N, C-alpha and C. Protein backbone atom coordinates (compact mmCIF):
# COMPACT_ATOMS: atom_id res chain seq x y z
N MET A 1 25.58 63.71 -57.34
CA MET A 1 25.87 62.19 -57.22
C MET A 1 24.58 62.07 -56.20
N LEU A 2 24.12 60.68 -55.90
CA LEU A 2 23.13 60.61 -54.45
C LEU A 2 23.41 58.67 -54.77
N GLN A 3 23.80 58.45 -53.04
CA GLN A 3 23.61 57.37 -53.13
C GLN A 3 22.39 56.62 -52.29
N ILE A 4 22.19 55.36 -52.93
CA ILE A 4 21.20 54.30 -52.89
C ILE A 4 22.08 53.06 -51.48
N ILE A 5 21.33 53.09 -50.55
CA ILE A 5 21.88 52.57 -49.45
C ILE A 5 21.11 51.53 -48.94
N VAL A 6 21.14 49.85 -49.46
CA VAL A 6 20.39 48.64 -49.47
C VAL A 6 20.90 47.83 -48.09
N MET A 7 19.57 48.22 -47.02
CA MET A 7 20.14 47.71 -45.57
C MET A 7 19.42 46.30 -45.85
N ALA A 8 21.15 44.92 -45.81
CA ALA A 8 20.40 43.72 -46.38
C ALA A 8 21.29 43.20 -44.70
N ARG A 9 20.16 41.81 -44.36
CA ARG A 9 20.92 41.01 -43.47
C ARG A 9 21.33 39.62 -44.05
N TRP A 10 22.25 39.14 -43.65
CA TRP A 10 22.53 37.86 -44.53
C TRP A 10 21.77 36.89 -44.21
N PRO A 11 21.04 36.31 -45.10
CA PRO A 11 20.25 34.94 -45.53
C PRO A 11 20.25 34.35 -44.44
N SER A 12 20.59 33.92 -43.44
CA SER A 12 20.96 32.62 -42.27
C SER A 12 19.67 32.11 -41.67
N PRO A 13 19.55 30.83 -41.76
CA PRO A 13 18.18 30.05 -41.00
C PRO A 13 18.35 30.31 -39.79
N GLY A 14 17.08 30.97 -39.09
CA GLY A 14 17.52 31.51 -37.20
C GLY A 14 17.74 32.60 -36.78
N ARG A 15 18.22 33.40 -38.21
CA ARG A 15 18.58 34.82 -37.86
C ARG A 15 17.75 36.15 -38.08
N CYS A 16 17.11 35.54 -39.35
CA CYS A 16 16.83 36.73 -40.19
C CYS A 16 15.27 36.22 -40.42
N LYS A 17 14.21 37.18 -40.60
CA LYS A 17 12.89 36.73 -40.75
C LYS A 17 12.31 36.03 -39.76
N ARG A 18 12.72 36.58 -38.28
CA ARG A 18 12.03 35.59 -37.16
C ARG A 18 10.61 35.92 -37.23
N ARG A 19 10.07 36.53 -37.39
CA ARG A 19 8.85 36.72 -37.37
C ARG A 19 7.60 35.85 -38.29
N LEU A 20 8.42 36.03 -39.56
CA LEU A 20 7.98 34.98 -40.33
C LEU A 20 7.80 33.48 -40.35
N SER A 21 9.48 32.91 -40.32
CA SER A 21 9.43 32.08 -39.65
C SER A 21 8.55 31.51 -38.59
N ARG A 22 8.40 32.27 -37.37
CA ARG A 22 7.14 31.98 -36.31
C ARG A 22 5.78 31.55 -37.13
N ASP A 23 5.40 32.51 -37.96
CA ASP A 23 4.05 32.33 -38.59
C ASP A 23 3.95 31.17 -39.14
N LEU A 24 5.08 30.28 -40.25
CA LEU A 24 4.96 29.45 -41.02
C LEU A 24 5.20 27.95 -39.88
N TYR A 25 5.93 28.36 -38.52
CA TYR A 25 5.91 27.00 -37.72
C TYR A 25 4.24 27.08 -37.34
N ASN A 26 4.08 28.24 -36.58
CA ASN A 26 2.97 28.29 -36.04
C ASN A 26 1.48 27.87 -36.85
N ARG A 27 1.02 28.61 -38.20
CA ARG A 27 0.45 28.19 -38.76
C ARG A 27 0.56 27.02 -39.70
N LEU A 28 1.32 26.96 -40.04
CA LEU A 28 1.66 25.96 -41.01
C LEU A 28 2.40 24.74 -40.90
N ASP A 29 2.49 24.56 -39.58
CA ASP A 29 3.52 23.69 -38.93
C ASP A 29 4.54 22.86 -39.39
N LEU A 30 5.15 24.02 -39.93
CA LEU A 30 6.24 23.64 -40.95
C LEU A 30 7.44 23.45 -39.97
N SER A 31 8.56 22.45 -40.08
CA SER A 31 9.46 22.24 -39.10
C SER A 31 10.68 22.70 -39.64
N ASN A 32 10.28 23.38 -40.98
CA ASN A 32 11.93 23.70 -42.00
C ASN A 32 11.93 25.47 -42.08
N SER A 33 10.91 25.49 -40.86
CA SER A 33 9.83 27.29 -41.23
C SER A 33 11.47 28.05 -41.13
N SER A 34 12.17 28.20 -40.63
CA SER A 34 13.51 28.95 -40.33
C SER A 34 13.79 28.92 -41.75
N GLU A 35 14.24 27.69 -42.69
CA GLU A 35 15.10 27.38 -43.46
C GLU A 35 14.31 28.34 -45.34
N ARG A 36 12.63 27.76 -44.70
CA ARG A 36 12.57 28.82 -46.23
C ARG A 36 12.03 30.08 -45.74
N ALA A 37 11.95 30.68 -43.88
CA ALA A 37 12.03 32.26 -44.26
C ALA A 37 13.41 32.77 -44.98
N ALA A 38 15.00 32.07 -44.65
CA ALA A 38 15.58 32.27 -45.07
C ALA A 38 15.67 32.41 -46.79
N ARG A 39 15.06 31.47 -46.93
CA ARG A 39 15.64 31.71 -48.95
C ARG A 39 14.29 32.78 -49.24
N ILE A 40 13.39 32.87 -48.26
CA ILE A 40 12.60 34.31 -49.18
C ILE A 40 12.99 35.42 -48.97
N GLN A 41 14.13 35.50 -47.48
CA GLN A 41 14.90 36.77 -47.30
C GLN A 41 15.91 36.75 -48.55
N LYS A 42 16.36 35.76 -49.22
CA LYS A 42 17.74 35.76 -49.65
C LYS A 42 16.84 36.26 -51.46
N ARG A 43 15.57 35.84 -51.60
CA ARG A 43 15.21 36.23 -53.31
C ARG A 43 14.70 37.09 -52.95
N LEU A 44 14.34 37.77 -51.93
CA LEU A 44 14.04 39.44 -51.63
C LEU A 44 15.05 40.57 -51.62
N THR A 45 16.28 39.94 -51.22
CA THR A 45 17.71 40.43 -51.33
C THR A 45 17.77 40.76 -52.68
N VAL A 46 17.67 40.22 -53.48
CA VAL A 46 18.44 39.70 -54.64
C VAL A 46 17.41 40.95 -55.69
N HIS A 47 16.17 40.74 -55.37
CA HIS A 47 15.33 41.37 -55.80
C HIS A 47 15.61 42.75 -55.98
N THR A 48 15.75 43.65 -54.61
CA THR A 48 15.99 44.81 -54.48
C THR A 48 17.09 45.42 -54.75
N THR A 49 18.43 44.36 -54.50
CA THR A 49 19.89 44.95 -55.35
C THR A 49 19.52 44.88 -56.77
N ALA A 50 18.76 44.01 -57.37
CA ALA A 50 18.53 43.61 -58.99
C ALA A 50 18.22 45.43 -59.25
N VAL A 51 16.89 45.47 -58.67
CA VAL A 51 16.37 47.02 -58.83
C VAL A 51 17.23 48.50 -58.39
N VAL A 52 17.81 48.13 -57.39
CA VAL A 52 19.14 48.99 -57.31
C VAL A 52 19.65 49.39 -58.33
N ARG A 53 20.58 48.02 -58.55
CA ARG A 53 21.91 47.75 -59.75
C ARG A 53 21.33 48.17 -60.72
N GLY A 54 20.33 48.10 -61.55
CA GLY A 54 19.58 48.24 -62.87
C GLY A 54 19.24 50.12 -63.03
N LEU A 55 18.81 50.99 -61.54
CA LEU A 55 18.79 52.23 -61.90
C LEU A 55 20.23 53.04 -61.96
N ALA A 56 21.33 52.09 -60.57
CA ALA A 56 22.70 52.66 -61.11
C ALA A 56 23.21 52.93 -62.29
N ASP A 57 22.81 51.79 -63.36
CA ASP A 57 22.67 51.41 -64.76
C ASP A 57 22.59 52.67 -65.58
N ALA A 58 21.44 53.48 -65.22
CA ALA A 58 20.49 54.45 -66.03
C ALA A 58 20.97 55.61 -65.33
N MET A 59 21.46 55.58 -64.01
CA MET A 59 21.20 57.03 -63.54
C MET A 59 22.69 57.63 -62.75
N VAL A 60 22.88 58.38 -62.31
CA VAL A 60 24.28 58.67 -61.41
C VAL A 60 24.19 58.69 -59.86
N ILE A 61 24.33 57.23 -59.71
CA ILE A 61 23.91 56.77 -58.40
C ILE A 61 25.26 55.88 -57.89
N GLU A 62 24.89 55.84 -56.36
CA GLU A 62 26.29 55.19 -55.96
C GLU A 62 25.25 54.13 -55.55
N PRO A 63 25.63 52.71 -55.67
CA PRO A 63 25.01 51.90 -54.75
C PRO A 63 25.98 51.64 -53.71
N VAL A 64 25.46 50.95 -52.73
CA VAL A 64 26.17 50.77 -51.08
C VAL A 64 24.58 49.42 -50.86
N LEU A 65 26.05 48.71 -50.30
CA LEU A 65 24.92 47.26 -49.84
C LEU A 65 25.67 47.43 -47.91
N ALA A 66 24.46 47.75 -47.06
CA ALA A 66 24.73 47.90 -45.97
C ALA A 66 24.54 46.39 -45.09
N VAL A 67 25.53 45.76 -45.01
CA VAL A 67 25.28 44.16 -44.40
C VAL A 67 25.39 44.15 -42.92
N SER A 68 24.18 43.17 -42.54
CA SER A 68 24.40 42.69 -41.32
C SER A 68 24.58 41.06 -40.98
N GLY A 69 25.08 40.70 -39.63
CA GLY A 69 25.26 39.35 -39.79
C GLY A 69 26.57 38.72 -40.67
N LEU A 70 27.43 39.45 -41.12
CA LEU A 70 28.52 38.65 -41.67
C LEU A 70 29.56 39.91 -40.80
N GLY A 71 30.97 39.24 -41.32
CA GLY A 71 31.89 39.76 -41.04
C GLY A 71 32.93 41.01 -42.21
N PRO A 72 33.36 41.35 -42.25
CA PRO A 72 33.78 42.36 -43.22
C PRO A 72 33.96 41.76 -44.97
N ASN A 73 35.13 40.78 -44.63
CA ASN A 73 35.48 39.91 -46.07
C ASN A 73 34.10 38.89 -46.14
N ALA A 74 33.61 37.83 -45.69
CA ALA A 74 32.39 37.58 -46.05
C ALA A 74 31.69 38.65 -46.58
N ALA A 75 30.90 39.71 -46.29
CA ALA A 75 30.47 40.95 -46.65
C ALA A 75 30.50 41.48 -47.56
N GLY A 76 32.05 41.29 -47.89
CA GLY A 76 32.64 42.09 -49.73
C GLY A 76 31.97 40.88 -50.77
N ARG A 77 32.10 39.91 -50.07
CA ARG A 77 32.31 38.78 -51.02
C ARG A 77 30.42 38.45 -51.48
N TRP A 78 29.67 38.70 -50.49
CA TRP A 78 28.37 39.09 -50.82
C TRP A 78 28.19 39.97 -51.60
N GLY A 79 28.66 40.80 -51.48
CA GLY A 79 28.19 42.11 -51.93
C GLY A 79 28.82 42.61 -53.55
N GLN A 80 29.65 41.36 -53.74
CA GLN A 80 30.71 41.02 -55.10
C GLN A 80 29.45 40.18 -55.70
N GLN A 81 28.71 39.60 -55.68
CA GLN A 81 27.87 38.27 -56.01
C GLN A 81 26.86 39.34 -56.38
N LEU A 82 26.40 39.94 -55.03
CA LEU A 82 25.07 40.85 -55.97
C LEU A 82 25.26 42.15 -56.63
N GLY A 83 26.71 42.36 -57.10
CA GLY A 83 26.94 43.31 -58.29
C GLY A 83 27.09 44.83 -57.63
N PHE A 84 27.35 44.57 -56.46
CA PHE A 84 27.72 45.32 -55.19
C PHE A 84 28.74 46.17 -54.55
N PRO A 85 29.62 46.90 -55.28
CA PRO A 85 31.40 46.97 -55.18
C PRO A 85 31.48 47.40 -53.86
N LEU A 86 30.69 48.42 -53.52
CA LEU A 86 30.81 49.60 -52.12
C LEU A 86 29.86 48.79 -51.08
N VAL A 87 30.72 48.01 -50.37
CA VAL A 87 29.78 47.40 -49.39
C VAL A 87 30.49 47.79 -47.78
N ARG A 88 29.21 48.17 -46.68
CA ARG A 88 29.61 48.50 -46.12
C ARG A 88 29.06 47.80 -44.36
N LEU A 89 29.35 47.63 -43.09
CA LEU A 89 29.00 46.41 -42.26
C LEU A 89 27.60 47.68 -41.71
N GLN A 90 26.68 47.27 -40.89
CA GLN A 90 25.62 48.15 -40.27
C GLN A 90 26.34 48.23 -38.99
N GLY A 91 27.29 47.52 -38.80
CA GLY A 91 27.61 47.72 -37.04
C GLY A 91 26.13 47.45 -36.17
N GLN A 92 26.61 47.90 -34.25
CA GLN A 92 25.78 47.48 -33.78
C GLN A 92 24.97 48.59 -33.77
N GLY A 93 23.55 47.97 -32.46
CA GLY A 93 22.97 49.40 -32.07
C GLY A 93 21.26 48.92 -32.84
N GLN A 94 20.53 49.79 -32.48
CA GLN A 94 18.88 49.66 -32.77
C GLN A 94 19.36 50.23 -33.91
N LEU A 95 17.75 50.63 -34.88
CA LEU A 95 18.21 50.86 -36.32
C LEU A 95 18.10 51.95 -36.36
N GLY A 96 17.92 53.08 -35.45
CA GLY A 96 18.21 54.54 -35.64
C GLY A 96 19.80 54.76 -35.32
N THR A 97 20.31 53.97 -35.04
CA THR A 97 21.58 53.83 -34.73
C THR A 97 22.75 53.45 -36.04
N ARG A 98 22.22 52.46 -36.28
CA ARG A 98 22.74 52.02 -37.81
C ARG A 98 22.37 52.87 -38.76
N LEU A 99 21.28 53.34 -39.20
CA LEU A 99 20.98 53.97 -39.89
C LEU A 99 21.53 55.76 -40.09
N ARG A 100 21.90 55.83 -39.16
CA ARG A 100 22.87 57.26 -38.56
C ARG A 100 24.08 57.27 -39.34
N ARG A 101 24.86 55.97 -39.27
CA ARG A 101 25.73 55.45 -38.75
C ARG A 101 26.63 55.38 -40.47
N GLN A 102 25.33 54.54 -41.32
CA GLN A 102 25.22 54.98 -42.53
C GLN A 102 25.09 56.07 -43.32
N LEU A 103 24.36 56.76 -42.84
CA LEU A 103 24.26 58.25 -43.39
C LEU A 103 24.85 59.16 -43.07
N MET A 104 25.69 58.98 -42.04
CA MET A 104 27.21 59.66 -42.02
C MET A 104 27.95 59.73 -43.14
N GLN A 105 27.73 58.90 -43.84
CA GLN A 105 28.98 59.02 -45.40
C GLN A 105 28.52 59.52 -46.09
N GLY A 106 26.99 59.91 -45.62
CA GLY A 106 26.75 61.12 -47.13
C GLY A 106 26.74 62.16 -46.83
N HIS A 107 26.79 62.39 -45.48
CA HIS A 107 27.02 63.85 -44.83
C HIS A 107 28.38 63.66 -44.47
N ARG A 108 29.46 63.06 -44.61
CA ARG A 108 30.68 63.25 -44.90
C ARG A 108 30.87 64.17 -46.57
N SER A 109 30.41 63.27 -47.23
CA SER A 109 30.94 63.48 -48.52
C SER A 109 29.71 64.67 -49.33
N GLY A 110 29.05 65.03 -48.64
CA GLY A 110 27.96 66.03 -48.64
C GLY A 110 26.54 65.39 -50.14
N MET A 111 26.39 63.88 -49.81
CA MET A 111 25.89 63.38 -51.13
C MET A 111 24.41 63.05 -50.45
N PRO A 112 23.73 63.54 -50.98
CA PRO A 112 22.15 62.95 -50.57
C PRO A 112 21.63 61.38 -50.25
N SER A 113 21.10 61.12 -49.52
CA SER A 113 21.09 59.52 -49.57
C SER A 113 19.45 58.55 -49.50
N LEU A 114 19.37 57.91 -50.01
CA LEU A 114 17.94 56.84 -50.15
C LEU A 114 18.28 55.92 -49.34
N VAL A 115 17.69 55.48 -48.01
CA VAL A 115 17.83 54.28 -47.62
C VAL A 115 17.03 53.14 -47.77
N ILE A 116 16.54 52.23 -47.95
CA ILE A 116 15.44 50.93 -48.18
C ILE A 116 16.03 49.77 -47.70
N GLY A 117 15.31 48.91 -46.81
CA GLY A 117 15.41 47.76 -46.69
C GLY A 117 15.18 46.54 -47.82
N THR A 118 15.02 45.25 -47.46
CA THR A 118 15.01 43.93 -48.27
C THR A 118 14.16 43.40 -47.82
N ASP A 119 12.52 44.51 -47.46
CA ASP A 119 11.30 43.29 -47.40
C ASP A 119 10.41 44.10 -47.84
N LEU A 120 10.61 44.50 -49.51
CA LEU A 120 9.29 44.92 -50.26
C LEU A 120 9.12 44.13 -52.09
N PRO A 121 8.74 43.17 -51.54
CA PRO A 121 8.58 42.42 -53.32
C PRO A 121 7.77 43.04 -54.39
N GLU A 122 7.04 44.16 -54.15
CA GLU A 122 6.97 45.54 -55.10
C GLU A 122 7.71 46.51 -55.36
N LEU A 123 8.89 46.40 -54.93
CA LEU A 123 9.76 47.41 -54.99
C LEU A 123 10.29 47.33 -56.50
N ASN A 124 9.93 48.80 -57.13
CA ASN A 124 10.44 48.72 -58.72
C ASN A 124 11.09 49.74 -59.29
N PRO A 125 11.75 50.59 -59.99
CA PRO A 125 12.59 51.28 -60.57
C PRO A 125 11.57 52.69 -60.03
N ASP A 126 10.42 52.87 -60.50
CA ASP A 126 9.60 54.06 -60.20
C ASP A 126 9.35 54.63 -59.23
N ASP A 127 9.47 53.64 -58.08
CA ASP A 127 9.45 54.12 -56.73
C ASP A 127 10.29 54.76 -56.74
N LEU A 128 11.72 54.43 -56.75
CA LEU A 128 13.15 55.08 -56.26
C LEU A 128 13.33 55.85 -57.35
N LYS A 129 12.45 56.19 -58.70
CA LYS A 129 12.64 57.10 -59.44
C LYS A 129 11.76 58.89 -58.44
N ARG A 130 10.85 58.05 -58.11
CA ARG A 130 9.77 59.26 -57.11
C ARG A 130 10.93 59.63 -56.36
N ALA A 131 11.09 59.32 -55.01
CA ALA A 131 12.20 59.54 -54.51
C ALA A 131 13.60 60.56 -54.39
N ILE A 132 13.74 59.91 -55.75
CA ILE A 132 14.45 61.13 -55.98
C ILE A 132 14.49 62.31 -56.73
N GLU A 133 13.42 62.41 -57.46
CA GLU A 133 12.72 63.70 -57.78
C GLU A 133 11.79 64.30 -56.89
N GLN A 134 11.54 63.77 -55.27
CA GLN A 134 10.79 64.26 -54.30
C GLN A 134 12.09 65.26 -53.80
N LEU A 135 13.48 64.20 -53.75
CA LEU A 135 14.70 64.97 -52.97
C LEU A 135 15.46 66.37 -53.30
N GLN A 136 14.79 66.85 -54.60
CA GLN A 136 15.14 67.59 -55.25
C GLN A 136 14.58 68.74 -54.42
N THR A 137 13.47 68.98 -54.25
CA THR A 137 12.53 69.84 -53.33
C THR A 137 12.51 69.90 -51.95
N HIS A 138 12.45 68.96 -51.34
CA HIS A 138 12.27 68.26 -49.61
C HIS A 138 13.75 67.93 -49.16
N ASP A 139 13.41 68.19 -47.77
CA ASP A 139 14.30 67.76 -46.85
C ASP A 139 14.72 66.00 -46.97
N LEU A 140 13.41 65.55 -47.03
CA LEU A 140 12.98 64.48 -46.47
C LEU A 140 12.02 64.09 -46.86
N VAL A 141 11.96 62.24 -47.31
CA VAL A 141 10.85 61.44 -48.42
C VAL A 141 11.73 60.76 -47.55
N LEU A 142 9.80 59.90 -47.28
CA LEU A 142 9.60 58.79 -46.49
C LEU A 142 8.59 57.87 -47.21
N GLY A 143 8.83 56.49 -47.67
CA GLY A 143 7.92 55.74 -48.20
C GLY A 143 6.77 54.85 -46.70
N PRO A 144 5.76 55.37 -46.84
CA PRO A 144 4.82 54.45 -45.57
C PRO A 144 4.86 53.13 -45.95
N ALA A 145 4.97 52.39 -44.84
CA ALA A 145 4.78 50.76 -44.75
C ALA A 145 3.23 50.50 -43.89
N SER A 146 2.62 49.70 -44.30
CA SER A 146 1.15 49.38 -43.92
C SER A 146 1.41 49.25 -42.36
N ASP A 147 2.42 48.75 -41.84
CA ASP A 147 2.41 48.13 -40.45
C ASP A 147 2.65 49.32 -39.93
N GLY A 148 2.82 50.70 -39.67
CA GLY A 148 3.53 52.18 -39.39
C GLY A 148 5.00 52.55 -39.60
N GLY A 149 5.67 51.88 -40.00
CA GLY A 149 7.24 51.83 -40.71
C GLY A 149 7.01 52.77 -41.41
N TYR A 150 8.37 52.84 -42.17
CA TYR A 150 8.48 52.71 -43.67
C TYR A 150 9.12 52.30 -44.32
N TRP A 151 9.39 52.02 -45.79
CA TRP A 151 10.16 51.65 -46.43
C TRP A 151 10.99 51.99 -46.98
N LEU A 152 11.16 53.58 -46.93
CA LEU A 152 12.36 53.82 -47.35
C LEU A 152 12.51 55.27 -46.93
N LEU A 153 13.54 55.91 -46.50
CA LEU A 153 13.85 57.02 -45.88
C LEU A 153 14.96 57.73 -46.66
N GLY A 154 14.92 58.91 -47.01
CA GLY A 154 15.64 60.00 -48.10
C GLY A 154 15.80 60.82 -47.48
N ILE A 155 17.46 61.77 -47.11
CA ILE A 155 18.09 62.38 -46.72
C ILE A 155 18.26 63.48 -48.23
N GLY A 156 17.84 64.49 -48.22
CA GLY A 156 17.97 65.86 -49.08
C GLY A 156 19.50 66.34 -48.84
N GLU A 157 19.84 67.23 -50.00
CA GLU A 157 21.03 67.87 -50.24
C GLU A 157 21.10 68.76 -49.06
N ASN A 158 20.57 69.50 -48.36
CA ASN A 158 20.61 70.31 -47.21
C ASN A 158 20.58 69.36 -46.10
N LEU A 159 19.67 68.70 -45.68
CA LEU A 159 19.38 68.15 -44.37
C LEU A 159 20.34 67.29 -43.99
N ILE A 160 20.89 66.89 -45.43
CA ILE A 160 22.43 65.85 -45.07
C ILE A 160 23.63 66.63 -44.43
N HIS A 161 23.32 67.70 -44.58
CA HIS A 161 24.88 68.53 -43.94
C HIS A 161 24.47 68.94 -42.11
N THR A 162 23.10 68.29 -42.01
CA THR A 162 22.99 68.86 -40.21
C THR A 162 22.56 67.79 -39.32
N PRO A 163 23.27 66.45 -39.51
CA PRO A 163 23.25 65.16 -38.48
C PRO A 163 21.79 65.53 -37.29
N LYS A 164 22.44 66.57 -36.60
CA LYS A 164 21.17 66.76 -35.37
C LYS A 164 20.33 67.09 -35.74
N HIS A 165 19.98 67.37 -36.83
CA HIS A 165 18.49 67.44 -36.91
C HIS A 165 17.96 65.98 -38.09
N TRP A 166 18.37 65.34 -38.13
CA TRP A 166 18.04 64.32 -38.59
C TRP A 166 17.42 63.35 -37.61
N PRO A 167 15.85 63.11 -38.26
CA PRO A 167 14.52 62.34 -37.16
C PRO A 167 14.66 61.32 -36.57
N LEU A 168 16.13 60.78 -36.25
CA LEU A 168 15.98 59.43 -36.04
C LEU A 168 16.42 58.77 -34.36
N ILE A 169 16.35 60.34 -33.80
CA ILE A 169 16.45 59.76 -32.27
C ILE A 169 15.16 59.96 -31.36
N GLY A 170 14.96 58.81 -30.41
CA GLY A 170 13.99 58.86 -29.84
C GLY A 170 12.41 58.15 -30.47
N ILE A 171 12.89 57.40 -31.40
CA ILE A 171 12.05 56.60 -32.12
C ILE A 171 11.33 55.24 -31.92
N PRO A 172 10.41 55.31 -31.47
CA PRO A 172 10.13 53.27 -30.87
C PRO A 172 10.25 52.63 -32.27
N TRP A 173 11.29 52.25 -32.85
CA TRP A 173 11.59 51.07 -34.02
C TRP A 173 11.22 49.77 -33.53
N GLY A 174 10.60 49.67 -34.64
CA GLY A 174 10.06 48.45 -34.72
C GLY A 174 8.22 48.28 -34.02
N GLY A 175 7.91 49.63 -34.02
CA GLY A 175 6.52 49.67 -33.21
C GLY A 175 5.89 50.05 -34.35
N PRO A 176 3.94 50.14 -34.19
CA PRO A 176 3.69 50.93 -34.86
C PRO A 176 3.43 52.13 -34.90
N THR A 177 4.40 53.00 -34.34
CA THR A 177 4.22 54.78 -34.49
C THR A 177 5.64 55.12 -35.02
N VAL A 178 5.87 54.59 -35.68
CA VAL A 178 7.59 54.69 -36.02
C VAL A 178 7.35 56.14 -37.34
N LEU A 179 6.23 55.36 -38.10
CA LEU A 179 6.08 56.85 -39.09
C LEU A 179 6.06 57.95 -38.50
N GLU A 180 4.69 58.35 -37.92
CA GLU A 180 4.19 59.02 -37.07
C GLU A 180 4.97 60.24 -36.21
N SER A 181 5.95 59.43 -35.26
CA SER A 181 6.83 60.35 -34.50
C SER A 181 8.05 60.22 -35.28
N THR A 182 8.27 59.90 -36.58
CA THR A 182 9.53 60.27 -37.58
C THR A 182 8.76 61.73 -38.23
N LEU A 183 7.63 61.82 -38.42
CA LEU A 183 7.32 63.08 -38.96
C LEU A 183 6.86 63.84 -37.53
N LYS A 184 6.58 63.70 -36.55
CA LYS A 184 6.72 64.77 -35.72
C LYS A 184 8.16 65.44 -35.32
N ALA A 185 9.36 64.28 -35.25
CA ALA A 185 10.33 65.02 -34.59
C ALA A 185 10.42 65.96 -36.40
N ALA A 186 10.05 65.40 -37.22
CA ALA A 186 10.61 66.15 -38.58
C ALA A 186 10.05 67.63 -38.33
N SER A 187 8.69 67.80 -37.76
CA SER A 187 7.73 69.18 -37.86
C SER A 187 8.81 69.62 -37.01
N ALA A 188 9.20 69.09 -35.74
CA ALA A 188 9.79 70.26 -34.63
C ALA A 188 11.06 70.44 -35.06
N HIS A 189 11.75 70.58 -36.49
CA HIS A 189 12.35 70.76 -36.86
C HIS A 189 12.28 72.04 -38.34
N ALA A 190 11.16 71.66 -38.18
CA ALA A 190 10.49 72.24 -39.87
C ALA A 190 10.81 71.65 -40.89
N ILE A 191 10.96 70.56 -40.94
CA ILE A 191 11.89 70.03 -42.02
C ILE A 191 10.45 69.47 -43.18
N SER A 192 11.05 70.35 -44.19
CA SER A 192 10.10 70.19 -45.46
C SER A 192 10.19 68.21 -45.76
N THR A 193 9.03 67.66 -45.91
CA THR A 193 8.56 66.51 -46.08
C THR A 193 8.06 65.74 -46.74
N ALA A 194 8.10 65.09 -48.17
CA ALA A 194 7.44 64.05 -48.91
C ALA A 194 7.32 62.59 -48.54
N LEU A 195 5.55 62.12 -49.02
CA LEU A 195 5.60 60.74 -48.56
C LEU A 195 5.15 60.12 -50.06
N LEU A 196 5.95 58.89 -49.89
CA LEU A 196 5.57 58.34 -50.92
C LEU A 196 4.42 57.58 -50.89
N PRO A 197 3.59 56.74 -51.85
CA PRO A 197 2.87 55.72 -52.09
C PRO A 197 2.91 54.67 -50.76
N ARG A 198 1.77 54.39 -49.76
CA ARG A 198 1.90 53.22 -49.12
C ARG A 198 2.26 51.88 -49.56
N ARG A 199 3.13 50.85 -49.04
CA ARG A 199 3.37 49.55 -49.57
C ARG A 199 3.91 48.80 -48.31
N ASN A 200 3.48 47.34 -48.24
CA ASN A 200 3.39 46.60 -47.56
C ASN A 200 4.77 45.91 -47.40
N ASP A 201 5.21 45.85 -46.57
CA ASP A 201 6.65 45.07 -45.93
C ASP A 201 6.20 43.79 -45.83
N LEU A 202 6.93 42.48 -46.19
CA LEU A 202 6.92 41.21 -45.90
C LEU A 202 7.29 40.79 -44.97
N ASP A 203 6.55 40.85 -43.73
CA ASP A 203 6.98 40.37 -42.65
C ASP A 203 6.83 39.24 -41.65
N HIS A 204 4.69 38.85 -42.11
CA HIS A 204 4.54 37.88 -41.69
C HIS A 204 3.63 36.98 -42.60
N TRP A 205 3.30 35.91 -42.04
CA TRP A 205 2.55 34.99 -43.05
C TRP A 205 1.42 35.67 -43.90
N SER A 206 0.88 36.73 -43.66
CA SER A 206 -0.31 37.35 -44.05
C SER A 206 0.64 37.94 -45.18
N ASP A 207 1.79 38.78 -44.96
CA ASP A 207 2.37 39.54 -46.22
C ASP A 207 2.38 38.97 -47.02
N LEU A 208 3.07 37.57 -47.31
CA LEU A 208 3.14 36.43 -48.40
C LEU A 208 2.50 35.78 -48.97
N LYS A 209 1.14 36.17 -48.37
CA LYS A 209 -0.44 34.86 -49.19
C LYS A 209 -0.51 35.99 -50.38
N PRO A 210 -0.54 36.94 -50.71
CA PRO A 210 -0.24 37.65 -52.00
C PRO A 210 0.70 36.96 -53.02
N TRP A 211 1.76 36.63 -52.73
CA TRP A 211 2.68 36.43 -53.35
C TRP A 211 3.26 34.85 -53.14
N GLN A 212 1.91 34.26 -53.48
CA GLN A 212 2.25 33.13 -53.07
C GLN A 212 1.42 32.22 -54.57
N GLY A 213 1.87 31.06 -55.48
CA GLY A 213 1.84 31.13 -57.20
C GLY A 213 0.37 30.12 -56.26
């Protein structure tokens, strides 16, 4: 079995998609930019969870919703609404800390894990199937993003047992060299790595333009 962890922030105006909200305000002079950004975040989350849920129906996969921005009870209710019975809180800390916290669940059960966010409008089941296939022969799978980060992180069966080698420490999260630094850290520990096709996260107004009808 494999777990797919969806890192999701509760789509509350002013607390999610802040860069997109600023762009909508500065470029389009929208007074309700934070509300619009939150609605976009909600749609992206629904899309992402639907893709994962559909794949879980066809394969032996444990879908997990890792939530920030809500308490335990509210997070559980949101997970039920999205069709995710297994819900965990992301907890505090930078992205690397939160990723490690979620992956430790896979470590304890010996379960390979994929982690994705909710910023990818073009996410489809084939992307995740390709990642699962690559995890059969590689320790680490990354989906590069056009901003220098990555939209998917996969930890294979061998690597999941050695958390000290996970390439999550010392990474400049949020910067343009996240992927480069992660690959360098993986290389230092001789971790076999596979890259998926590059995708474009939806973080700014310019990212949104191709999806406007």
